[in-house]
Amino acid sequence: ADDRPILLPAGMREGIRASRVAATRSERTHTLSTCVLRGEHVVATLSL
């Protein structure tokens, strides 16, 4: 909101781009997400 960059750690960003999947875990739940792309444009994310 203050126009400051929102950055991921470089290793995390490269891993997500390579696998095309981001994952988060908690004690009870697990989420897998990927980007819905139209060409090179991100139009949505899809998650399990």
ModelCIF file with pLDDT and N, C-alpha, C, O atoms, coordinates in Angstrom:
data_MODEL
#
_entry.id   MODEL 
#
_entity.id                         1 
_entity.type                       polymer 
_entity.pdbx_number_of_molecules   1 
#
_entity_poly.entity_id                      1 
_entity_poly.type                           'polypeptide(L)' 
_entity_poly.nstd_linkage                   no 
_entity_poly.nstd_monomer                   no 
_entity_poly.pdbx_seq_one_letter_code       ADDRPILLPAGMREGIRASRVAATRSERTHTLSTCVLRGEHVVATLSL 
_entity_poly.pdbx_seq_one_letter_code_can   ADDRPILLPAGMREGIRASRVAATRSERTHTLSTCVLRGEHVVATLSL 
_entity_poly.pdbx_strand_id                 A 
#
loop_
_entity_poly_seq.entity_id 
_entity_poly_seq.num 
_entity_poly_seq.mon_id 
_entity_poly_seq.hetero 
1 1  ALA n 
1 2  ASP n 
1 3  ASP n 
1 4  ARG n 
1 5  PRO n 
1 6  ILE n 
1 7  LEU n 
1 8  LEU n 
1 9  PRO n 
1 10 ALA n 
1 11 GLY n 
1 12 MET n 
1 13 ARG n 
1 14 GLU n 
1 15 GLY n 
1 16 ILE n 
1 17 ARG n 
1 18 ALA n 
1 19 SER n 
1 20 ARG n 
1 21 VAL n 
1 22 ALA n 
1 23 ALA n 
1 24 THR n 
1 25 ARG n 
1 26 SER n 
1 27 GLU n 
1 28 ARG n 
1 29 THR n 
1 30 HIS n 
1 31 THR n 
1 32 LEU n 
1 33 SER n 
1 34 THR n 
1 35 CYS n 
1 36 VAL n 
1 37 LEU n 
1 38 ARG n 
1 39 GLY n 
1 40 GLU n 
1 41 HIS n 
1 42 VAL n 
1 43 VAL n 
1 44 ALA n 
1 45 THR n 
1 46 LEU n 
1 47 SER n 
1 48 LEU n 
#
_struct_asym.id          A 
_struct_asym.entity_id   1 
#
loop_
_ma_qa_metric.id 
_ma_qa_metric.mode 
_ma_qa_metric.name 
_ma_qa_metric.software_group_id 
_ma_qa_metric.type 
1 global pLDDT . pLDDT 
2 local  pLDDT . pLDDT 
#
_ma_qa_metric_global.metric_id      1 
_ma_qa_metric_global.metric_value   92.60 
_ma_qa_metric_global.model_id       1 
_ma_qa_metric_global.ordinal_id     1 
#
loop_
_ma_qa_metric_local.label_asym_id 
_ma_qa_metric_local.label_comp_id 
_ma_qa_metric_local.label_seq_id 
_ma_qa_metric_local.metric_id 
_ma_qa_metric_local.metric_value 
_ma_qa_metric_local.model_id 
_ma_qa_metric_local.ordinal_id 
A ALA 1  2 81.00 1 1  
A ASP 2  2 85.00 1 2  
A ASP 3  2 86.00 1 3  
A ARG 4  2 90.00 1 4  
A PRO 5  2 91.00 1 5  
A ILE 6  2 91.00 1 6  
A LEU 7  2 90.00 1 7  
A LEU 8  2 93.00 1 8  
A PRO 9  2 93.00 1 9  
A ALA 10 2 93.00 1 10 
A GLY 11 2 95.00 1 11 
A MET 12 2 96.00 1 12 
A ARG 13 2 94.00 1 13 
A GLU 14 2 96.00 1 14 
A GLY 15 2 96.00 1 15 
A ILE 16 2 96.00 1 16 
A ARG 17 2 95.00 1 17 
A ALA 18 2 96.00 1 18 
A SER 19 2 96.00 1 19 
A ARG 20 2 96.00 1 20 
A VAL 21 2 97.00 1 21 
A ALA 22 2 96.00 1 22 
A ALA 23 2 96.00 1 23 
A THR 24 2 94.00 1 24 
A ARG 25 2 92.00 1 25 
A SER 26 2 88.00 1 26 
A GLU 27 2 87.00 1 27 
A ARG 28 2 89.00 1 28 
A THR 29 2 92.00 1 29 
A HIS 30 2 95.00 1 30 
A THR 31 2 95.00 1 31 
A LEU 32 2 97.00 1 32 
A SER 33 2 97.00 1 33 
A THR 34 2 97.00 1 34 
A CYS 35 2 96.00 1 35 
A VAL 36 2 95.00 1 36 
A LEU 37 2 92.00 1 37 
A ARG 38 2 88.00 1 38 
A GLY 39 2 85.00 1 39 
A GLU 40 2 84.00 1 40 
A HIS 41 2 88.00 1 41 
A VAL 42 2 91.00 1 42 
A VAL 43 2 91.00 1 43 
A ALA 44 2 92.00 1 44 
A THR 45 2 94.00 1 45 
A LEU 46 2 96.00 1 46 
A SER 47 2 96.00 1 47 
A LEU 48 2 96.00 1 48 
#
loop_
_atom_site.group_PDB 
_atom_site.id 
_atom_site.type_symbol 
_atom_site.label_atom_id 
_atom_site.label_alt_id 
_atom_site.label_comp_id 
_atom_site.label_asym_id 
_atom_site.label_entity_id 
_atom_site.label_seq_id 
_atom_site.pdbx_PDB_ins_code 
_atom_site.Cartn_x 
_atom_site.Cartn_y 
_atom_site.Cartn_z 
_atom_site.occupancy 
_atom_site.B_iso_or_equiv 
_atom_site.pdbx_formal_charge 
_atom_site.auth_seq_id 
_atom_site.auth_comp_id 
_atom_site.auth_asym_id 
_atom_site.auth_atom_id 
_atom_site.pdbx_PDB_model_num 
ATOM 1   N N  . ALA A 1 1  ? 0.810  -1.214  0.000   1.00 81.00 ? 1  ALA A N  1 
ATOM 2   C CA . ALA A 1 1  ? 0.000  0.000   0.000   1.00 81.00 ? 1  ALA A CA 1 
ATOM 3   C C  . ALA A 1 1  ? 0.844  1.265   0.000   1.00 81.00 ? 1  ALA A C  1 
ATOM 4   O O  . ALA A 1 1  ? 0.396  2.312   -0.467  1.00 81.00 ? 1  ALA A O  1 
ATOM 5   N N  . ASP A 1 2  ? 2.063  1.174   0.521   1.00 85.00 ? 2  ASP A N  1 
ATOM 6   C CA . ASP A 1 2  ? 2.965  2.326   0.574   1.00 85.00 ? 2  ASP A CA 1 
ATOM 7   C C  . ASP A 1 2  ? 3.983  2.315   -0.564  1.00 85.00 ? 2  ASP A C  1 
ATOM 8   O O  . ASP A 1 2  ? 4.987  3.027   -0.522  1.00 85.00 ? 2  ASP A O  1 
ATOM 9   N N  . ASP A 1 3  ? 3.711  1.498   -1.580  1.00 86.00 ? 3  ASP A N  1 
ATOM 10  C CA . ASP A 1 3  ? 4.565  1.393   -2.761  1.00 86.00 ? 3  ASP A CA 1 
ATOM 11  C C  . ASP A 1 3  ? 5.945  0.803   -2.450  1.00 86.00 ? 3  ASP A C  1 
ATOM 12  O O  . ASP A 1 3  ? 6.906  1.022   -3.188  1.00 86.00 ? 3  ASP A O  1 
ATOM 13  N N  . ARG A 1 4  ? 6.026  0.062   -1.359  1.00 90.00 ? 4  ARG A N  1 
ATOM 14  C CA . ARG A 1 4  ? 7.272  -0.634  -1.035  1.00 90.00 ? 4  ARG A CA 1 
ATOM 15  C C  . ARG A 1 4  ? 7.250  -2.013  -1.676  1.00 90.00 ? 4  ARG A C  1 
ATOM 16  O O  . ARG A 1 4  ? 6.193  -2.642  -1.739  1.00 90.00 ? 4  ARG A O  1 
ATOM 17  N N  . PRO A 1 5  ? 8.391  -2.498  -2.152  1.00 91.00 ? 5  PRO A N  1 
ATOM 18  C CA . PRO A 1 5  ? 8.409  -3.800  -2.825  1.00 91.00 ? 5  PRO A CA 1 
ATOM 19  C C  . PRO A 1 5  ? 8.083  -4.948  -1.879  1.00 91.00 ? 5  PRO A C  1 
ATOM 20  O O  . PRO A 1 5  ? 8.468  -4.936  -0.710  1.00 91.00 ? 5  PRO A O  1 
ATOM 21  N N  . ILE A 1 6  ? 7.374  -5.933  -2.398  1.00 91.00 ? 6  ILE A N  1 
ATOM 22  C CA . ILE A 1 6  ? 7.078  -7.161  -1.666  1.00 91.00 ? 6  ILE A CA 1 
ATOM 23  C C  . ILE A 1 6  ? 7.947  -8.245  -2.288  1.00 91.00 ? 6  ILE A C  1 
ATOM 24  O O  . ILE A 1 6  ? 7.715  -8.647  -3.428  1.00 91.00 ? 6  ILE A O  1 
ATOM 25  N N  . LEU A 1 7  ? 8.923  -8.710  -1.566  1.00 90.00 ? 7  LEU A N  1 
ATOM 26  C CA . LEU A 1 7  ? 9.920  -9.612  -2.137  1.00 90.00 ? 7  LEU A CA 1 
ATOM 27  C C  . LEU A 1 7  ? 9.889  -10.983 -1.474  1.00 90.00 ? 7  LEU A C  1 
ATOM 28  O O  . LEU A 1 7  ? 9.639  -11.106 -0.275  1.00 90.00 ? 7  LEU A O  1 
ATOM 29  N N  . LEU A 1 8  ? 10.145 -12.002 -2.271  1.00 93.00 ? 8  LEU A N  1 
ATOM 30  C CA . LEU A 1 8  ? 10.374 -13.347 -1.764  1.00 93.00 ? 8  LEU A CA 1 
ATOM 31  C C  . LEU A 1 8  ? 11.873 -13.587 -1.678  1.00 93.00 ? 8  LEU A C  1 
ATOM 32  O O  . LEU A 1 8  ? 12.627 -13.000 -2.455  1.00 93.00 ? 8  LEU A O  1 
ATOM 33  N N  . PRO A 1 9  ? 12.329 -14.434 -0.758  1.00 93.00 ? 9  PRO A N  1 
ATOM 34  C CA . PRO A 1 9  ? 13.736 -14.836 -0.782  1.00 93.00 ? 9  PRO A CA 1 
ATOM 35  C C  . PRO A 1 9  ? 14.088 -15.421 -2.150  1.00 93.00 ? 9  PRO A C  1 
ATOM 36  O O  . PRO A 1 9  ? 13.284 -16.129 -2.756  1.00 93.00 ? 9  PRO A O  1 
ATOM 37  N N  . ALA A 1 10 ? 15.286 -15.122 -2.627  1.00 93.00 ? 10 ALA A N  1 
ATOM 38  C CA . ALA A 1 10 ? 15.672 -15.526 -3.980  1.00 93.00 ? 10 ALA A CA 1 
ATOM 39  C C  . ALA A 1 10 ? 15.530 -17.028 -4.189  1.00 93.00 ? 10 ALA A C  1 
ATOM 40  O O  . ALA A 1 10 ? 15.047 -17.462 -5.234  1.00 93.00 ? 10 ALA A O  1 
ATOM 41  N N  . GLY A 1 11 ? 15.948 -17.832 -3.200  1.00 95.00 ? 11 GLY A N  1 
ATOM 42  C CA . GLY A 1 11 ? 15.857 -19.283 -3.339  1.00 95.00 ? 11 GLY A CA 1 
ATOM 43  C C  . GLY A 1 11 ? 14.422 -19.759 -3.444  1.00 95.00 ? 11 GLY A C  1 
ATOM 44  O O  . GLY A 1 11 ? 14.116 -20.646 -4.242  1.00 95.00 ? 11 GLY A O  1 
ATOM 45  N N  . MET A 1 12 ? 13.536 -19.174 -2.642  1.00 96.00 ? 12 MET A N  1 
ATOM 46  C CA . MET A 1 12 ? 12.123 -19.547 -2.703  1.00 96.00 ? 12 MET A CA 1 
ATOM 47  C C  . MET A 1 12 ? 11.544 -19.178 -4.058  1.00 96.00 ? 12 MET A C  1 
ATOM 48  O O  . MET A 1 12 ? 10.824 -19.977 -4.658  1.00 96.00 ? 12 MET A O  1 
ATOM 49  N N  . ARG A 1 13 ? 11.840 -17.997 -4.545  1.00 94.00 ? 13 ARG A N  1 
ATOM 50  C CA . ARG A 1 13 ? 11.297 -17.549 -5.833  1.00 94.00 ? 13 ARG A CA 1 
ATOM 51  C C  . ARG A 1 13 ? 11.753 -18.469 -6.965  1.00 94.00 ? 13 ARG A C  1 
ATOM 52  O O  . ARG A 1 13 ? 10.952 -18.854 -7.817  1.00 94.00 ? 13 ARG A O  1 
ATOM 53  N N  . GLU A 1 14 ? 13.029 -18.817 -6.972  1.00 96.00 ? 14 GLU A N  1 
ATOM 54  C CA . GLU A 1 14 ? 13.549 -19.693 -8.027  1.00 96.00 ? 14 GLU A CA 1 
ATOM 55  C C  . GLU A 1 14 ? 12.926 -21.083 -7.943  1.00 96.00 ? 14 GLU A C  1 
ATOM 56  O O  . GLU A 1 14 ? 12.620 -21.689 -8.970  1.00 96.00 ? 14 GLU A O  1 
ATOM 57  N N  . GLY A 1 15 ? 12.738 -21.591 -6.727  1.00 96.00 ? 15 GLY A N  1 
ATOM 58  C CA . GLY A 1 15 ? 12.131 -22.911 -6.560  1.00 96.00 ? 15 GLY A CA 1 
ATOM 59  C C  . GLY A 1 15 ? 10.695 -22.955 -7.045  1.00 96.00 ? 15 GLY A C  1 
ATOM 60  O O  . GLY A 1 15 ? 10.273 -23.920 -7.681  1.00 96.00 ? 15 GLY A O  1 
ATOM 61  N N  . ILE A 1 16 ? 9.945  -21.902 -6.741  1.00 96.00 ? 16 ILE A N  1 
ATOM 62  C CA . ILE A 1 16 ? 8.545  -21.848 -7.186  1.00 96.00 ? 16 ILE A CA 1 
ATOM 63  C C  . ILE A 1 16 ? 8.476  -21.750 -8.704  1.00 96.00 ? 16 ILE A C  1 
ATOM 64  O O  . ILE A 1 16 ? 7.648  -22.414 -9.328  1.00 96.00 ? 16 ILE A O  1 
ATOM 65  N N  . ARG A 1 17 ? 9.326  -20.937 -9.300  1.00 95.00 ? 17 ARG A N  1 
ATOM 66  C CA . ARG A 1 17 ? 9.306  -20.789 -10.760 1.00 95.00 ? 17 ARG A CA 1 
ATOM 67  C C  . ARG A 1 17 ? 9.715  -22.091 -11.448 1.00 95.00 ? 17 ARG A C  1 
ATOM 68  O O  . ARG A 1 17 ? 9.192  -22.429 -12.510 1.00 95.00 ? 17 ARG A O  1 
ATOM 69  N N  . ALA A 1 18 ? 10.650 -22.815 -10.840 1.00 96.00 ? 18 ALA A N  1 
ATOM 70  C CA . ALA A 1 18 ? 11.112 -24.071 -11.448 1.00 96.00 ? 18 ALA A CA 1 
ATOM 71  C C  . ALA A 1 18 ? 10.041 -25.160 -11.377 1.00 96.00 ? 18 ALA A C  1 
ATOM 72  O O  . ALA A 1 18 ? 9.833  -25.889 -12.347 1.00 96.00 ? 18 ALA A O  1 
ATOM 73  N N  . SER A 1 19 ? 9.369  -25.271 -10.243 1.00 96.00 ? 19 SER A N  1 
ATOM 74  C CA . SER A 1 19 ? 8.367  -26.324 -10.060 1.00 96.00 ? 19 SER A CA 1 
ATOM 75  C C  . SER A 1 19 ? 6.970  -25.886 -10.469 1.00 96.00 ? 19 SER A C  1 
ATOM 76  O O  . SER A 1 19 ? 6.080  -26.714 -10.661 1.00 96.00 ? 19 SER A O  1 
ATOM 77  N N  . ARG A 1 20 ? 6.783  -24.561 -10.602 1.00 96.00 ? 20 ARG A N  1 
ATOM 78  C CA . ARG A 1 20 ? 5.489  -23.948 -10.913 1.00 96.00 ? 20 ARG A CA 1 
ATOM 79  C C  . ARG A 1 20 ? 4.466  -24.186 -9.805  1.00 96.00 ? 20 ARG A C  1 
ATOM 80  O O  . ARG A 1 20 ? 3.260  -24.092 -10.033 1.00 96.00 ? 20 ARG A O  1 
ATOM 81  N N  . VAL A 1 21 ? 4.954  -24.493 -8.609  1.00 97.00 ? 21 VAL A N  1 
ATOM 82  C CA . VAL A 1 21 ? 4.059  -24.726 -7.476  1.00 97.00 ? 21 VAL A CA 1 
ATOM 83  C C  . VAL A 1 21 ? 4.665  -24.101 -6.219  1.00 97.00 ? 21 VAL A C  1 
ATOM 84  O O  . VAL A 1 21 ? 5.856  -24.254 -5.947  1.00 97.00 ? 21 VAL A O  1 
ATOM 85  N N  . ALA A 1 22 ? 3.826  -23.395 -5.460  1.00 96.00 ? 22 ALA A N  1 
ATOM 86  C CA . ALA A 1 22 ? 4.209  -22.886 -4.147  1.00 96.00 ? 22 ALA A CA 1 
ATOM 87  C C  . ALA A 1 22 ? 3.458  -23.696 -3.091  1.00 96.00 ? 22 ALA A C  1 
ATOM 88  O O  . ALA A 1 22 ? 2.315  -24.104 -3.302  1.00 96.00 ? 22 ALA A O  1 
ATOM 89  N N  . ALA A 1 23 ? 4.113  -23.923 -1.957  1.00 96.00 ? 23 ALA A N  1 
ATOM 90  C CA . ALA A 1 23 ? 3.496  -24.737 -0.904  1.00 96.00 ? 23 ALA A CA 1 
ATOM 91  C C  . ALA A 1 23 ? 3.644  -24.054 0.449   1.00 96.00 ? 23 ALA A C  1 
ATOM 92  O O  . ALA A 1 23 ? 4.666  -23.433 0.744   1.00 96.00 ? 23 ALA A O  1 
ATOM 93  N N  . THR A 1 24 ? 2.612  -24.180 1.255   1.00 94.00 ? 24 THR A N  1 
ATOM 94  C CA . THR A 1 24 ? 2.690  -23.756 2.652   1.00 94.00 ? 24 THR A CA 1 
ATOM 95  C C  . THR A 1 24 ? 2.109  -24.862 3.511   1.00 94.00 ? 24 THR A C  1 
ATOM 96  O O  . THR A 1 24 ? 1.212  -25.590 3.085   1.00 94.00 ? 24 THR A O  1 
ATOM 97  N N  . ARG A 1 25 ? 2.631  -24.983 4.733   1.00 92.00 ? 25 ARG A N  1 
ATOM 98  C CA . ARG A 1 25 ? 2.195  -26.035 5.646   1.00 92.00 ? 25 ARG A CA 1 
ATOM 99  C C  . ARG A 1 25 ? 1.929  -25.445 7.017   1.00 92.00 ? 25 ARG A C  1 
ATOM 100 O O  . ARG A 1 25 ? 2.593  -24.502 7.447   1.00 92.00 ? 25 ARG A O  1 
ATOM 101 N N  . SER A 1 26 ? 0.970  -26.001 7.678   1.00 88.00 ? 26 SER A N  1 
ATOM 102 C CA . SER A 1 26 ? 0.747  -25.698 9.086   1.00 88.00 ? 26 SER A CA 1 
ATOM 103 C C  . SER A 1 26 ? 0.633  -27.044 9.801   1.00 88.00 ? 26 SER A C  1 
ATOM 104 O O  . SER A 1 26 ? 0.803  -28.100 9.192   1.00 88.00 ? 26 SER A O  1 
ATOM 105 N N  . GLU A 1 27 ? 0.349  -26.992 11.069  1.00 87.00 ? 27 GLU A N  1 
ATOM 106 C CA . GLU A 1 27 ? 0.244  -28.242 11.837  1.00 87.00 ? 27 GLU A CA 1 
ATOM 107 C C  . GLU A 1 27 ? -0.902 -29.110 11.318  1.00 87.00 ? 27 GLU A C  1 
ATOM 108 O O  . GLU A 1 27 ? -0.840 -30.337 11.404  1.00 87.00 ? 27 GLU A O  1 
ATOM 109 N N  . ARG A 1 28 ? -1.947 -28.475 10.779  1.00 89.00 ? 28 ARG A N  1 
ATOM 110 C CA . ARG A 1 28 ? -3.139 -29.222 10.387  1.00 89.00 ? 28 ARG A CA 1 
ATOM 111 C C  . ARG A 1 28 ? -3.434 -29.203 8.894   1.00 89.00 ? 28 ARG A C  1 
ATOM 112 O O  . ARG A 1 28 ? -4.112 -30.102 8.396   1.00 89.00 ? 28 ARG A O  1 
ATOM 113 N N  . THR A 1 29 ? -2.951 -28.215 8.177   1.00 92.00 ? 29 THR A N  1 
ATOM 114 C CA . THR A 1 29 ? -3.314 -28.093 6.761   1.00 92.00 ? 29 THR A CA 1 
ATOM 115 C C  . THR A 1 29 ? -2.098 -27.918 5.870   1.00 92.00 ? 29 THR A C  1 
ATOM 116 O O  . THR A 1 29 ? -1.010 -27.559 6.319   1.00 92.00 ? 29 THR A O  1 
ATOM 117 N N  . HIS A 1 30 ? -2.320 -28.183 4.607   1.00 95.00 ? 30 HIS A N  1 
ATOM 118 C CA . HIS A 1 30 ? -1.265 -28.081 3.593   1.00 95.00 ? 30 HIS A CA 1 
ATOM 119 C C  . HIS A 1 30 ? -1.907 -27.455 2.348   1.00 95.00 ? 30 HIS A C  1 
ATOM 120 O O  . HIS A 1 30 ? -3.023 -27.818 1.975   1.00 95.00 ? 30 HIS A O  1 
ATOM 121 N N  . THR A 1 31 ? -1.209 -26.524 1.716   1.00 95.00 ? 31 THR A N  1 
ATOM 122 C CA . THR A 1 31 ? -1.734 -25.855 0.523   1.00 95.00 ? 31 THR A CA 1 
ATOM 123 C C  . THR A 1 31 ? -0.707 -25.894 -0.598  1.00 95.00 ? 31 THR A C  1 
ATOM 124 O O  . THR A 1 31 ? 0.472  -25.616 -0.383  1.00 95.00 ? 31 THR A O  1 
ATOM 125 N N  . LEU A 1 32 ? -1.162 -26.238 -1.785  1.00 97.00 ? 32 LEU A N  1 
ATOM 126 C CA . LEU A 1 32 ? -0.362 -26.149 -3.005  1.00 97.00 ? 32 LEU A CA 1 
ATOM 127 C C  . LEU A 1 32 ? -1.020 -25.126 -3.922  1.00 97.00 ? 32 LEU A C  1 
ATOM 128 O O  . LEU A 1 32 ? -2.235 -25.163 -4.119  1.00 97.00 ? 32 LEU A O  1 
ATOM 129 N N  . SER A 1 33 ? -0.230 -24.215 -4.482  1.00 97.00 ? 33 SER A N  1 
ATOM 130 C CA . SER A 1 33 ? -0.778 -23.184 -5.371  1.00 97.00 ? 33 SER A CA 1 
ATOM 131 C C  . SER A 1 33 ? 0.081  -23.037 -6.609  1.00 97.00 ? 33 SER A C  1 
ATOM 132 O O  . SER A 1 33 ? 1.299  -23.212 -6.561  1.00 97.00 ? 33 SER A O  1 
ATOM 133 N N  . THR A 1 34 ? -0.558 -22.715 -7.711  1.00 97.00 ? 34 THR A N  1 
ATOM 134 C CA . THR A 1 34 ? 0.140  -22.432 -8.954  1.00 97.00 ? 34 THR A CA 1 
ATOM 135 C C  . THR A 1 34 ? -0.517 -21.244 -9.633  1.00 97.00 ? 34 THR A C  1 
ATOM 136 O O  . THR A 1 34 ? -1.656 -20.899 -9.319  1.00 97.00 ? 34 THR A O  1 
ATOM 137 N N  . CYS A 1 35 ? 0.185  -20.622 -10.552 1.00 96.00 ? 35 CYS A N  1 
ATOM 138 C CA . CYS A 1 35 ? -0.370 -19.475 -11.269 1.00 96.00 ? 35 CYS A CA 1 
ATOM 139 C C  . CYS A 1 35 ? -1.127 -19.929 -12.510 1.00 96.00 ? 35 CYS A C  1 
ATOM 140 O O  . CYS A 1 35 ? -0.713 -20.853 -13.211 1.00 96.00 ? 35 CYS A O  1 
ATOM 141 N N  . VAL A 1 36 ? -2.231 -19.264 -12.760 1.00 95.00 ? 36 VAL A N  1 
ATOM 142 C CA . VAL A 1 36 ? -2.938 -19.411 -14.024 1.00 95.00 ? 36 VAL A CA 1 
ATOM 143 C C  . VAL A 1 36 ? -2.369 -18.345 -14.950 1.00 95.00 ? 36 VAL A C  1 
ATOM 144 O O  . VAL A 1 36 ? -2.505 -17.149 -14.693 1.00 95.00 ? 36 VAL A O  1 
ATOM 145 N N  . LEU A 1 37 ? -1.734 -18.785 -16.023 1.00 92.00 ? 37 LEU A N  1 
ATOM 146 C CA . LEU A 1 37 ? -1.062 -17.866 -16.929 1.00 92.00 ? 37 LEU A CA 1 
ATOM 147 C C  . LEU A 1 37 ? -1.788 -17.795 -18.259 1.00 92.00 ? 37 LEU A C  1 
ATOM 148 O O  . LEU A 1 37 ? -2.325 -18.788 -18.750 1.00 92.00 ? 37 LEU A O  1 
ATOM 149 N N  . ARG A 1 38 ? -1.791 -16.607 -18.826 1.00 88.00 ? 38 ARG A N  1 
ATOM 150 C CA . ARG A 1 38 ? -2.258 -16.400 -20.182 1.00 88.00 ? 38 ARG A CA 1 
ATOM 151 C C  . ARG A 1 38 ? -1.073 -15.803 -20.922 1.00 88.00 ? 38 ARG A C  1 
ATOM 152 O O  . ARG A 1 38 ? -0.807 -14.605 -20.830 1.00 88.00 ? 38 ARG A O  1 
ATOM 153 N N  . GLY A 1 39 ? -0.361 -16.655 -21.661 1.00 85.00 ? 39 GLY A N  1 
ATOM 154 C CA . GLY A 1 39 ? 0.933  -16.236 -22.182 1.00 85.00 ? 39 GLY A CA 1 
ATOM 155 C C  . GLY A 1 39 ? 1.890  -16.106 -21.014 1.00 85.00 ? 39 GLY A C  1 
ATOM 156 O O  . GLY A 1 39 ? 2.111  -17.070 -20.281 1.00 85.00 ? 39 GLY A O  1 
ATOM 157 N N  . GLU A 1 40 ? 2.467  -14.908 -20.831 1.00 84.00 ? 40 GLU A N  1 
ATOM 158 C CA . GLU A 1 40 ? 3.365  -14.664 -19.702 1.00 84.00 ? 40 GLU A CA 1 
ATOM 159 C C  . GLU A 1 40 ? 2.667  -13.904 -18.585 1.00 84.00 ? 40 GLU A C  1 
ATOM 160 O O  . GLU A 1 40 ? 3.300  -13.554 -17.590 1.00 84.00 ? 40 GLU A O  1 
ATOM 161 N N  . HIS A 1 41 ? 1.390  -13.647 -18.732 1.00 88.00 ? 41 HIS A N  1 
ATOM 162 C CA . HIS A 1 41 ? 0.661  -12.829 -17.774 1.00 88.00 ? 41 HIS A CA 1 
ATOM 163 C C  . HIS A 1 41 ? -0.023 -13.691 -16.713 1.00 88.00 ? 41 HIS A C  1 
ATOM 164 O O  . HIS A 1 41 ? -0.635 -14.711 -17.028 1.00 88.00 ? 41 HIS A O  1 
ATOM 165 N N  . VAL A 1 42 ? 0.091  -13.267 -15.449 1.00 91.00 ? 42 VAL A N  1 
ATOM 166 C CA . VAL A 1 42 ? -0.600 -13.926 -14.348 1.00 91.00 ? 42 VAL A CA 1 
ATOM 167 C C  . VAL A 1 42 ? -2.029 -13.396 -14.293 1.00 91.00 ? 42 VAL A C  1 
ATOM 168 O O  . VAL A 1 42 ? -2.236 -12.199 -14.098 1.00 91.00 ? 42 VAL A O  1 
ATOM 169 N N  . VAL A 1 43 ? -3.010 -14.272 -14.461 1.00 91.00 ? 43 VAL A N  1 
ATOM 170 C CA . VAL A 1 43 ? -4.405 -13.850 -14.393 1.00 91.00 ? 43 VAL A CA 1 
ATOM 171 C C  . VAL A 1 43 ? -5.110 -14.369 -13.144 1.00 91.00 ? 43 VAL A C  1 
ATOM 172 O O  . VAL A 1 43 ? -6.177 -13.869 -12.788 1.00 91.00 ? 43 VAL A O  1 
ATOM 173 N N  . ALA A 1 44 ? -4.528 -15.369 -12.472 1.00 92.00 ? 44 ALA A N  1 
ATOM 174 C CA . ALA A 1 44 ? -5.143 -15.916 -11.256 1.00 92.00 ? 44 ALA A CA 1 
ATOM 175 C C  . ALA A 1 44 ? -4.172 -16.890 -10.619 1.00 92.00 ? 44 ALA A C  1 
ATOM 176 O O  . ALA A 1 44 ? -3.137 -17.224 -11.197 1.00 92.00 ? 44 ALA A O  1 
ATOM 177 N N  . THR A 1 45 ? -4.514 -17.343 -9.422  1.00 94.00 ? 45 THR A N  1 
ATOM 178 C CA . THR A 1 45 ? -3.823 -18.466 -8.799  1.00 94.00 ? 45 THR A CA 1 
ATOM 179 C C  . THR A 1 45 ? -4.858 -19.546 -8.520  1.00 94.00 ? 45 THR A C  1 
ATOM 180 O O  . THR A 1 45 ? -6.015 -19.250 -8.221  1.00 94.00 ? 45 THR A O  1 
ATOM 181 N N  . LEU A 1 46 ? -4.433 -20.792 -8.619  1.00 96.00 ? 46 LEU A N  1 
ATOM 182 C CA . LEU A 1 46 ? -5.292 -21.943 -8.371  1.00 96.00 ? 46 LEU A CA 1 
ATOM 183 C C  . LEU A 1 46 ? -4.654 -22.766 -7.256  1.00 96.00 ? 46 LEU A C  1 
ATOM 184 O O  . LEU A 1 46 ? -3.457 -23.049 -7.303  1.00 96.00 ? 46 LEU A O  1 
ATOM 185 N N  . SER A 1 47 ? -5.437 -23.150 -6.260  1.00 96.00 ? 47 SER A N  1 
ATOM 186 C CA . SER A 1 47 ? -4.882 -23.813 -5.077  1.00 96.00 ? 47 SER A CA 1 
ATOM 187 C C  . SER A 1 47 ? -5.642 -25.070 -4.697  1.00 96.00 ? 47 SER A C  1 
ATOM 188 O O  . SER A 1 47 ? -6.852 -25.179 -4.897  1.00 96.00 ? 47 SER A O  1 
ATOM 189 N N  . LEU A 1 48 ? -4.885 -26.025 -4.136  1.00 96.00 ? 48 LEU A N  1 
ATOM 190 C CA . LEU A 1 48 ? -5.434 -27.216 -3.498  1.00 96.00 ? 48 LEU A CA 1 
ATOM 191 C C  . LEU A 1 48 ? -5.144 -27.118 -2.009  1.00 96.00 ? 48 LEU A C  1 
ATOM 192 O O  . LEU A 1 48 ? -5.512 -28.013 -1.249  1.00 96.00 ? 48 LEU A O  1 
#
